[in-house]
Each structure stands twice: as structure tokens, then as C-alpha cells.
């Protein structure tokens, strides 16, 4: 997929709050080794490394456009690499993934691989959107079916994201002795209902940009905008409720055992 850092960051302030809510679940450790899977443009990765006092941090992303932006944040102990978060198999004290895991299927298998990269006392922190039933997601899936038929890419949140209770059970099965899982609604007050289009152009609509030529993609977005505003109403301002799942777990530390 082709990502636009500028488009994604049109709503940087709104997207940042879940990141820091997720970071707030982490327990303090001394100079941890951190991996940020799906690091995007690296700005928040760099801030997270500083907040955690990390001895080393690796940001991994599959987007060349995002990694080009991330390079400005590189420094000693902080590097950015191209990679597939679904197959990551490194080592870390903290595995962090904000708004990225929903792009890949089979979360039990992926989270098992990530758990295997943690040592004793290691922590996993993941945030995924859970807004698949909102018209912003439903209409894009409907329109994709009409335009692309069998080539229509699945709506990633609907196809891949589990329920909060399923994630809680999975963390327990994977040996996380402490955990926190919650569903949270983030309310975003946008200028109008049409601005939801600009929001999803930076995220879920990128899957169509990869399959359509630029002119066709523009027509697709125009029709998506028409249908979405018809469904939501032309409301100014518009309150956009966005559900997200935040999950954290910590493995048993050797010091936890008497």
C-alpha cells in the first residue's frame, strides 16, 4: 500500500491520544529494549523511546514513504527498518504496536510470535481500531465490492480484529500473568461529516489506492464521499465516535517467583 504521511497527519492530534493511552499502560523498567511495530513516520516512536528511557529502540514499518520521514528521528540507540510486523521475530523487553496490527490476519499466531520475542518480565502493548460497523468503514467495503468484485480487498478491521474478551483470553493463554484489556470510544469533533473522508483517506482507503489508477481512485473517493454524507447527513460539526481496543500484558519475571 502507498501511505501519505501528510494525509495521515492531518489528524495527528486525534491519532496521538490512543498512542499515549497505550504507552501509559506500560510499567516502568530500567533501560528496556523496545520495538515499535508499525512505527509510521517515527515521530511518536522517538518520543516513546525517551519516555521509557530505552537503551535501544527499533521502529519497523513496511511503508517506504513513512520510513523516509522517520529517518529524521534516527539517533544513537534509535533506528528504523523496513519489515513486516506480522513476521517479526526479534528480541525486546517491550513490543509496542499502535494502530498497525489490524492490517494483518491471524492475530493469535502473530501475538504468539511477538510473545516469543519477549524475555522474562517482557511487556506487550497493542492498540487496534474496532470501528468496523461505522458507516465510514461499511460504505468503503460496499463500494469496493461494486468496483472491484473478487479483487476487493477485505475491510481489515472487520476481517482481522478480535473482540476484547478474545484478546484477554489469548493473553492469558500466552502466559501474561498481568494484563489490561479495554474497549474505549474516542470522540472526535470534526468540522463536518464530509471530513470523515479525509480521515479514512489516510488509513483504510489506502487499500484501494494501491489497486486503482489515480483518476479512478479520485472517482472512487468522490462516490464514497457522496454516499457517506448521504448516510450520515451533512452535519456541521460532526461528532465522529471511534472505538479502539487497547491491550497490555506482562510476562512473569524471574523476580516474581519466590
C-alpha atoms as a PDB file:
ATOM      1  CA  UNK A   1       0.000   0.000   0.000  1.00  0.00           C
ATOM      2  CA  UNK A   2       1.019   3.587  -0.616  1.00  0.00           C
ATOM      3  CA  UNK A   3       0.895   5.730   2.505  1.00  0.00           C
ATOM      4  CA  UNK A   4       0.888   9.519   2.616  1.00  0.00           C
ATOM      5  CA  UNK A   5       2.438  10.861   5.817  1.00  0.00           C
ATOM      6  CA  UNK A   6       0.880  14.272   5.140  1.00  0.00           C
ATOM      7  CA  UNK A   7      -2.625  12.833   4.735  1.00  0.00           C
ATOM      8  CA  UNK A   8      -2.260  10.603   7.790  1.00  0.00           C
ATOM      9  CA  UNK A   9      -1.062  13.516   9.920  1.00  0.00           C
ATOM     10  CA  UNK A  10      -3.976  15.786   9.010  1.00  0.00           C
ATOM     11  CA  UNK A  11      -5.496  14.381  12.208  1.00  0.00           C
ATOM     12  CA  UNK A  12      -2.238  13.904  14.109  1.00  0.00           C
ATOM     13  CA  UNK A  13      -3.582  15.260  17.407  1.00  0.00           C
ATOM     14  CA  UNK A  14      -6.591  12.925  17.358  1.00  0.00           C
ATOM     15  CA  UNK A  15      -4.479   9.898  16.414  1.00  0.00           C
ATOM     16  CA  UNK A  16      -1.883  10.680  19.082  1.00  0.00           C
ATOM     17  CA  UNK A  17      -4.115  10.263  22.147  1.00  0.00           C
ATOM     18  CA  UNK A  18      -4.599   6.471  21.789  1.00  0.00           C
ATOM     19  CA  UNK A  19      -0.829   6.107  21.349  1.00  0.00           C
ATOM     20  CA  UNK A  20      -0.128   7.766  24.683  1.00  0.00           C
ATOM     21  CA  UNK A  21      -3.015   5.983  26.408  1.00  0.00           C
ATOM     22  CA  UNK A  22      -1.401   2.732  25.278  1.00  0.00           C
ATOM     23  CA  UNK A  23       2.048   3.859  26.421  1.00  0.00           C
ATOM     24  CA  UNK A  24       0.523   4.703  29.797  1.00  0.00           C
ATOM     25  CA  UNK A  25      -0.257   1.024  30.361  1.00  0.00           C
ATOM     26  CA  UNK A  26       3.436   0.093  30.321  1.00  0.00           C
ATOM     27  CA  UNK A  27       5.120  -0.499  33.663  1.00  0.00           C
ATOM     28  CA  UNK A  28       8.421   1.237  34.313  1.00  0.00           C
ATOM     29  CA  UNK A  29      11.563  -0.817  33.685  1.00  0.00           C
ATOM     30  CA  UNK A  30      15.232   0.123  33.611  1.00  0.00           C
ATOM     31  CA  UNK A  31      16.607   0.899  30.131  1.00  0.00           C
ATOM     32  CA  UNK A  32      14.382  -1.510  28.192  1.00  0.00           C
ATOM     33  CA  UNK A  33      14.978  -2.646  24.646  1.00  0.00           C
ATOM     34  CA  UNK A  34      11.928  -1.552  22.664  1.00  0.00           C
ATOM     35  CA  UNK A  35      10.491  -2.421  19.260  1.00  0.00           C
ATOM     36  CA  UNK A  36       7.712  -0.320  17.731  1.00  0.00           C
ATOM     37  CA  UNK A  37       5.950  -2.403  15.085  1.00  0.00           C
ATOM     38  CA  UNK A  38       4.187  -0.212  12.548  1.00  0.00           C
ATOM     39  CA  UNK A  39       6.153   2.873  13.562  1.00  0.00           C
ATOM     40  CA  UNK A  40       4.897   5.121  10.770  1.00  0.00           C
ATOM     41  CA  UNK A  41       6.818   8.371  10.432  1.00  0.00           C
ATOM     42  CA  UNK A  42       8.777   7.705  13.630  1.00  0.00           C
ATOM     43  CA  UNK A  43       7.857  10.889  15.473  1.00  0.00           C
ATOM     44  CA  UNK A  44       5.987   9.120  18.269  1.00  0.00           C
ATOM     45  CA  UNK A  45       8.487   6.256  18.311  1.00  0.00           C
ATOM     46  CA  UNK A  46      11.234   8.728  19.171  1.00  0.00           C
ATOM     47  CA  UNK A  47       9.099  10.276  21.904  1.00  0.00           C
ATOM     48  CA  UNK A  48       8.262   6.834  23.315  1.00  0.00           C
ATOM     49  CA  UNK A  49      11.937   5.884  23.464  1.00  0.00           C
ATOM     50  CA  UNK A  50      12.641   8.985  25.513  1.00  0.00           C
ATOM     51  CA  UNK A  51       9.692   8.455  27.823  1.00  0.00           C
ATOM     52  CA  UNK A  52      10.688   4.843  28.563  1.00  0.00           C
ATOM     53  CA  UNK A  53      14.381   5.611  28.945  1.00  0.00           C
ATOM     54  CA  UNK A  54      15.031   2.904  26.368  1.00  0.00           C
ATOM     55  CA  UNK A  55      18.550   1.584  25.914  1.00  0.00           C
ATOM     56  CA  UNK A  56      17.680   0.788  22.299  1.00  0.00           C
ATOM     57  CA  UNK A  57      14.619   1.221  20.122  1.00  0.00           C
ATOM     58  CA  UNK A  58      13.849  -0.188  16.679  1.00  0.00           C
ATOM     59  CA  UNK A  59      10.963   1.171  14.624  1.00  0.00           C
ATOM     60  CA  UNK A  60       9.698  -1.181  11.931  1.00  0.00           C
ATOM     61  CA  UNK A  61       7.332  -0.338   9.096  1.00  0.00           C
ATOM     62  CA  UNK A  62       6.580  -1.639   5.603  1.00  0.00           C
ATOM     63  CA  UNK A  63       5.946   1.794   4.069  1.00  0.00           C
ATOM     64  CA  UNK A  64       8.903   3.369   2.267  1.00  0.00           C
ATOM     65  CA  UNK A  65       7.122   6.728   2.414  1.00  0.00           C
ATOM     66  CA  UNK A  66       6.751   6.566   6.188  1.00  0.00           C
ATOM     67  CA  UNK A  67      10.306   5.321   6.754  1.00  0.00           C
ATOM     68  CA  UNK A  68      11.711   8.182   4.678  1.00  0.00           C
ATOM     69  CA  UNK A  69      10.057  10.575   7.137  1.00  0.00           C
ATOM     70  CA  UNK A  70      11.189   8.516  10.131  1.00  0.00           C
ATOM     71  CA  UNK A  71      14.873   8.830   9.261  1.00  0.00           C
ATOM     72  CA  UNK A  72      14.968  12.402  10.570  1.00  0.00           C
ATOM     73  CA  UNK A  73      14.385  10.961  14.061  1.00  0.00           C
ATOM     74  CA  UNK A  74      17.233   8.430  13.908  1.00  0.00           C
ATOM     75  CA  UNK A  75      19.897   8.792  16.559  1.00  0.00           C
ATOM     76  CA  UNK A  76      22.187   6.635  18.635  1.00  0.00           C
ATOM     77  CA  UNK A  77      20.040   3.841  20.048  1.00  0.00           C
ATOM     78  CA  UNK A  78      17.099   4.599  17.752  1.00  0.00           C
ATOM     79  CA  UNK A  79      16.927   3.084  14.263  1.00  0.00           C
ATOM     80  CA  UNK A  80      14.211   2.479  11.703  1.00  0.00           C
ATOM     81  CA  UNK A  81      13.964  -0.568   9.478  1.00  0.00           C
ATOM     82  CA  UNK A  82      11.741  -1.900   6.729  1.00  0.00           C
ATOM     83  CA  UNK A  83       9.935  -5.043   7.760  1.00  0.00           C
ATOM     84  CA  UNK A  84       6.702  -6.980   8.080  1.00  0.00           C
ATOM     85  CA  UNK A  85       5.223  -6.696  11.568  1.00  0.00           C
ATOM     86  CA  UNK A  86       3.347  -9.978  11.054  1.00  0.00           C
ATOM     87  CA  UNK A  87       6.577 -11.963  10.765  1.00  0.00           C
ATOM     88  CA  UNK A  88       8.761 -10.026  13.212  1.00  0.00           C
ATOM     89  CA  UNK A  89      10.813 -12.465  15.257  1.00  0.00           C
ATOM     90  CA  UNK A  90      13.379 -10.349  17.103  1.00  0.00           C
ATOM     91  CA  UNK A  91      14.079  -9.822  20.794  1.00  0.00           C
ATOM     92  CA  UNK A  92      12.838  -6.989  23.015  1.00  0.00           C
ATOM     93  CA  UNK A  93      11.740  -6.103  26.515  1.00  0.00           C
ATOM     94  CA  UNK A  94       8.779  -4.135  25.162  1.00  0.00           C
ATOM     95  CA  UNK A  95       6.833  -4.941  22.000  1.00  0.00           C
ATOM     96  CA  UNK A  96       4.668  -1.956  21.112  1.00  0.00           C
ATOM     97  CA  UNK A  97       2.207  -1.770  18.203  1.00  0.00           C
ATOM     98  CA  UNK A  98      -0.186   1.157  17.881  1.00  0.00           C
ATOM     99  CA  UNK A  99      -2.840   1.147  15.121  1.00  0.00           C
ATOM    100  CA  UNK A 100      -0.992  -1.406  12.997  1.00  0.00           C
ATOM    101  CA  UNK A 101      -1.908  -4.991  13.913  1.00  0.00           C
ATOM    102  CA  UNK A 102      -5.364  -4.759  12.295  1.00  0.00           C
ATOM    103  CA  UNK A 103      -3.726  -4.779   8.843  1.00  0.00           C
ATOM    104  CA  UNK A 104      -2.649  -8.404   9.205  1.00  0.00           C
ATOM    105  CA  UNK A 105      -4.695 -11.585   9.746  1.00  0.00           C
ATOM    106  CA  UNK A 106      -4.434 -14.368  12.333  1.00  0.00           C
ATOM    107  CA  UNK A 107      -3.805 -12.326  15.461  1.00  0.00           C
ATOM    108  CA  UNK A 108      -3.346 -15.382  17.702  1.00  0.00           C
ATOM    109  CA  UNK A 109      -0.394 -16.526  15.568  1.00  0.00           C
ATOM    110  CA  UNK A 110       1.103 -13.036  15.304  1.00  0.00           C
ATOM    111  CA  UNK A 111       0.811 -12.313  19.023  1.00  0.00           C
ATOM    112  CA  UNK A 112       2.378 -15.697  19.768  1.00  0.00           C
ATOM    113  CA  UNK A 113       5.412 -14.727  17.663  1.00  0.00           C
ATOM    114  CA  UNK A 114       5.623 -11.386  19.405  1.00  0.00           C
ATOM    115  CA  UNK A 115       5.376 -13.062  22.826  1.00  0.00           C
ATOM    116  CA  UNK A 116       8.209 -15.391  21.832  1.00  0.00           C
ATOM    117  CA  UNK A 117      10.404 -12.326  21.301  1.00  0.00           C
ATOM    118  CA  UNK A 118       9.981 -11.218  24.923  1.00  0.00           C
ATOM    119  CA  UNK A 119      12.189 -12.255  27.807  1.00  0.00           C
ATOM    120  CA  UNK A 120      11.097 -12.686  31.441  1.00  0.00           C
ATOM    121  CA  UNK A 121       9.079  -9.681  32.561  1.00  0.00           C
ATOM    122  CA  UNK A 122       8.596  -8.587  28.956  1.00  0.00           C
ATOM    123  CA  UNK A 123       5.641  -6.401  28.057  1.00  0.00           C
ATOM    124  CA  UNK A 124       3.302  -6.346  25.078  1.00  0.00           C
ATOM    125  CA  UNK A 125       1.205  -3.272  24.278  1.00  0.00           C
ATOM    126  CA  UNK A 126      -1.160  -3.166  21.299  1.00  0.00           C
ATOM    127  CA  UNK A 127      -3.901  -0.820  20.108  1.00  0.00           C
ATOM    128  CA  UNK A 128      -6.256  -1.676  17.252  1.00  0.00           C
ATOM    129  CA  UNK A 129      -9.290   0.142  15.839  1.00  0.00           C
ATOM    130  CA  UNK A 130     -12.631  -1.579  16.387  1.00  0.00           C
ATOM    131  CA  UNK A 131     -14.900   0.633  14.307  1.00  0.00           C
ATOM    132  CA  UNK A 132     -15.848  -1.742  11.506  1.00  0.00           C
ATOM    133  CA  UNK A 133     -19.608  -1.225  11.857  1.00  0.00           C
ATOM    134  CA  UNK A 134     -19.428   2.572  11.436  1.00  0.00           C
ATOM    135  CA  UNK A 135     -20.633   3.832   8.016  1.00  0.00           C
ATOM    136  CA  UNK A 136     -17.118   5.119   7.309  1.00  0.00           C
ATOM    137  CA  UNK A 137     -15.963   1.506   7.098  1.00  0.00           C
ATOM    138  CA  UNK A 138     -19.161  -0.172   5.905  1.00  0.00           C
ATOM    139  CA  UNK A 139     -19.570   2.060   2.854  1.00  0.00           C
ATOM    140  CA  UNK A 140     -15.980   1.620   1.688  1.00  0.00           C
ATOM    141  CA  UNK A 141     -16.423  -2.154   1.833  1.00  0.00           C
ATOM    142  CA  UNK A 142     -19.698  -1.938  -0.096  1.00  0.00           C
ATOM    143  CA  UNK A 143     -18.212   0.344  -2.736  1.00  0.00           C
ATOM    144  CA  UNK A 144     -15.121  -1.814  -3.079  1.00  0.00           C
ATOM    145  CA  UNK A 145     -17.300  -4.827  -3.796  1.00  0.00           C
ATOM    146  CA  UNK A 146     -19.088  -2.910  -6.544  1.00  0.00           C
ATOM    147  CA  UNK A 147     -15.940  -1.545  -8.160  1.00  0.00           C
ATOM    148  CA  UNK A 148     -13.523  -4.449  -7.741  1.00  0.00           C
ATOM    149  CA  UNK A 149     -15.640  -7.558  -7.299  1.00  0.00           C
ATOM    150  CA  UNK A 150     -13.446 -10.540  -6.476  1.00  0.00           C
ATOM    151  CA  UNK A 151     -10.413  -8.229  -6.235  1.00  0.00           C
ATOM    152  CA  UNK A 152     -11.997  -6.174  -3.459  1.00  0.00           C
ATOM    153  CA  UNK A 153      -9.552  -6.091  -0.540  1.00  0.00           C
ATOM    154  CA  UNK A 154     -11.192  -7.090   2.752  1.00  0.00           C
ATOM    155  CA  UNK A 155     -12.015  -4.405   5.289  1.00  0.00           C
ATOM    156  CA  UNK A 156      -9.097  -5.068   7.676  1.00  0.00           C
ATOM    157  CA  UNK A 157     -10.825  -4.206  10.945  1.00  0.00           C
ATOM    158  CA  UNK A 158     -13.846  -6.379  10.189  1.00  0.00           C
ATOM    159  CA  UNK A 159     -11.701  -9.230   8.879  1.00  0.00           C
ATOM    160  CA  UNK A 160      -8.898  -9.296  11.431  1.00  0.00           C
ATOM    161  CA  UNK A 161      -9.728  -7.629  14.760  1.00  0.00           C
ATOM    162  CA  UNK A 162     -10.922  -9.857  17.620  1.00  0.00           C
ATOM    163  CA  UNK A 163     -13.255  -8.969  20.477  1.00  0.00           C
ATOM    164  CA  UNK A 164     -11.794  -7.527  23.690  1.00  0.00           C
ATOM    165  CA  UNK A 165     -12.645 -10.714  25.571  1.00  0.00           C
ATOM    166  CA  UNK A 166     -10.915 -12.817  22.918  1.00  0.00           C
ATOM    167  CA  UNK A 167      -7.737 -10.781  23.324  1.00  0.00           C
ATOM    168  CA  UNK A 168      -7.968 -11.125  27.111  1.00  0.00           C
ATOM    169  CA  UNK A 169      -8.258 -14.893  26.816  1.00  0.00           C
ATOM    170  CA  UNK A 170      -5.395 -15.004  24.353  1.00  0.00           C
ATOM    171  CA  UNK A 171      -3.089 -13.017  26.635  1.00  0.00           C
ATOM    172  CA  UNK A 172      -3.831 -15.481  29.420  1.00  0.00           C
ATOM    173  CA  UNK A 173      -3.115 -18.454  27.149  1.00  0.00           C
ATOM    174  CA  UNK A 174       0.179 -16.879  26.111  1.00  0.00           C
ATOM    175  CA  UNK A 175       1.381 -16.664  29.686  1.00  0.00           C
ATOM    176  CA  UNK A 176       0.919 -12.990  30.501  1.00  0.00           C
ATOM    177  CA  UNK A 177       0.485 -13.029  34.248  1.00  0.00           C
ATOM    178  CA  UNK A 178      -0.825  -9.455  34.353  1.00  0.00           C
ATOM    179  CA  UNK A 179      -2.996  -7.855  31.730  1.00  0.00           C
ATOM    180  CA  UNK A 180      -5.263  -4.953  30.920  1.00  0.00           C
ATOM    181  CA  UNK A 181      -7.721  -5.024  28.007  1.00  0.00           C
ATOM    182  CA  UNK A 182     -10.329  -2.360  27.330  1.00  0.00           C
ATOM    183  CA  UNK A 183     -12.610  -1.035  24.626  1.00  0.00           C
ATOM    184  CA  UNK A 184     -12.517   2.754  24.502  1.00  0.00           C
ATOM    185  CA  UNK A 185     -14.540   5.212  22.442  1.00  0.00           C
ATOM    186  CA  UNK A 186     -12.569   8.243  21.261  1.00  0.00           C
ATOM    187  CA  UNK A 187     -14.836  11.116  20.300  1.00  0.00           C
ATOM    188  CA  UNK A 188     -13.529  13.359  17.526  1.00  0.00           C
ATOM    189  CA  UNK A 189     -15.323  16.608  16.724  1.00  0.00           C
ATOM    190  CA  UNK A 190     -14.710  17.250  13.038  1.00  0.00           C
ATOM    191  CA  UNK A 191     -15.693  20.308  11.058  1.00  0.00           C
ATOM    192  CA  UNK A 192     -18.269  18.362   9.075  1.00  0.00           C
ATOM    193  CA  UNK A 193     -19.372  14.827   8.296  1.00  0.00           C
ATOM    194  CA  UNK A 194     -17.524  15.131   4.967  1.00  0.00           C
ATOM    195  CA  UNK A 195     -14.242  15.429   6.884  1.00  0.00           C
ATOM    196  CA  UNK A 196     -14.555  11.742   7.769  1.00  0.00           C
ATOM    197  CA  UNK A 197     -13.481  11.133   4.161  1.00  0.00           C
ATOM    198  CA  UNK A 198     -10.192  12.926   4.786  1.00  0.00           C
ATOM    199  CA  UNK A 199      -9.712  10.830   7.930  1.00  0.00           C
ATOM    200  CA  UNK A 200     -10.070   7.483   6.164  1.00  0.00           C
ATOM    201  CA  UNK A 201      -8.097   8.608   3.087  1.00  0.00           C
ATOM    202  CA  UNK A 202      -5.071   8.487   5.374  1.00  0.00           C
ATOM    203  CA  UNK A 203      -5.823   4.974   6.612  1.00  0.00           C
ATOM    204  CA  UNK A 204      -8.395   2.445   5.403  1.00  0.00           C
ATOM    205  CA  UNK A 205      -8.852   3.847   1.870  1.00  0.00           C
ATOM    206  CA  UNK A 206      -5.159   3.299   1.133  1.00  0.00           C
ATOM    207  CA  UNK A 207      -6.018  -0.290   0.272  1.00  0.00           C
ATOM    208  CA  UNK A 208      -7.958   0.987  -2.763  1.00  0.00           C
ATOM    209  CA  UNK A 209      -5.293   3.481  -3.822  1.00  0.00           C
ATOM    210  CA  UNK A 210      -2.967   0.526  -4.368  1.00  0.00           C
ATOM    211  CA  UNK A 211      -5.419  -1.132  -6.792  1.00  0.00           C
ATOM    212  CA  UNK A 212      -6.825   1.813  -8.763  1.00  0.00           C
ATOM    213  CA  UNK A 213      -5.064   4.265 -11.057  1.00  0.00           C
ATOM    214  CA  UNK A 214      -5.031   7.867  -9.750  1.00  0.00           C
ATOM    215  CA  UNK A 215      -8.005   9.012 -11.829  1.00  0.00           C
ATOM    216  CA  UNK A 216     -10.096   6.002 -10.866  1.00  0.00           C
ATOM    217  CA  UNK A 217      -9.167   6.413  -7.212  1.00  0.00           C
ATOM    218  CA  UNK A 218     -10.319  10.042  -7.285  1.00  0.00           C
ATOM    219  CA  UNK A 219     -13.677   8.932  -8.739  1.00  0.00           C
ATOM    220  CA  UNK A 220     -13.899   6.217  -6.086  1.00  0.00           C
ATOM    221  CA  UNK A 221     -13.345   8.785  -3.314  1.00  0.00           C
ATOM    222  CA  UNK A 222     -15.911  11.163  -4.826  1.00  0.00           C
ATOM    223  CA  UNK A 223     -18.546   8.429  -4.849  1.00  0.00           C
ATOM    224  CA  UNK A 224     -17.542   7.326  -1.352  1.00  0.00           C
ATOM    225  CA  UNK A 225     -17.950  10.922  -0.141  1.00  0.00           C
ATOM    226  CA  UNK A 226     -21.382  11.226  -1.762  1.00  0.00           C
ATOM    227  CA  UNK A 227     -22.646   8.012  -0.158  1.00  0.00           C
ATOM    228  CA  UNK A 228     -21.116   8.700   3.244  1.00  0.00           C
ATOM    229  CA  UNK A 229     -22.582  12.200   3.533  1.00  0.00           C
ATOM    230  CA  UNK A 230     -25.941  10.850   2.386  1.00  0.00           C
ATOM    231  CA  UNK A 231     -25.771   8.195   5.139  1.00  0.00           C
ATOM    232  CA  UNK A 232     -24.509  10.495   7.911  1.00  0.00           C
ATOM    233  CA  UNK A 233     -26.246  13.680   6.820  1.00  0.00           C
ATOM    234  CA  UNK A 234     -24.441  16.926   6.014  1.00  0.00           C
ATOM    235  CA  UNK A 235     -23.701  17.769   9.631  1.00  0.00           C
ATOM    236  CA  UNK A 236     -21.506  20.673  10.752  1.00  0.00           C
ATOM    237  CA  UNK A 237     -19.767  19.995  13.054  1.00  0.00           C
ATOM    238  CA  UNK A 238     -19.766  16.207  13.135  1.00  0.00           C
ATOM    239  CA  UNK A 239     -19.002  14.046  16.171  1.00  0.00           C
ATOM    240  CA  UNK A 240     -17.064  11.003  14.959  1.00  0.00           C
ATOM    241  CA  UNK A 241     -17.076   8.231  17.614  1.00  0.00           C
ATOM    242  CA  UNK A 242     -14.178   5.872  17.070  1.00  0.00           C
ATOM    243  CA  UNK A 243     -13.868   2.626  19.028  1.00  0.00           C
ATOM    244  CA  UNK A 244     -10.448   1.187  19.781  1.00  0.00           C
ATOM    245  CA  UNK A 245      -9.169  -1.799  21.758  1.00  0.00           C
ATOM    246  CA  UNK A 246      -6.126  -1.289  23.984  1.00  0.00           C
ATOM    247  CA  UNK A 247      -4.404  -4.356  25.359  1.00  0.00           C
ATOM    248  CA  UNK A 248      -1.355  -4.819  27.570  1.00  0.00           C
ATOM    249  CA  UNK A 249       0.240  -7.830  29.146  1.00  0.00           C
ATOM    250  CA  UNK A 250       3.374  -8.609  31.146  1.00  0.00           C
ATOM    251  CA  UNK A 251       5.120 -11.952  31.389  1.00  0.00           C
ATOM    252  CA  UNK A 252       6.280 -13.381  34.683  1.00  0.00           C
ATOM    253  CA  UNK A 253       9.638 -12.047  35.782  1.00  0.00           C
ATOM    254  CA  UNK A 254      12.159 -14.313  37.464  1.00  0.00           C
ATOM    255  CA  UNK A 255      11.921 -11.969  40.417  1.00  0.00           C
ATOM    256  CA  UNK A 256       8.181 -12.712  40.678  1.00  0.00           C
ATOM    257  CA  UNK A 257       8.923 -16.286  41.743  1.00  0.00           C
ATOM    258  CA  UNK A 258       9.940 -16.833  45.381  1.00  0.00           C
END
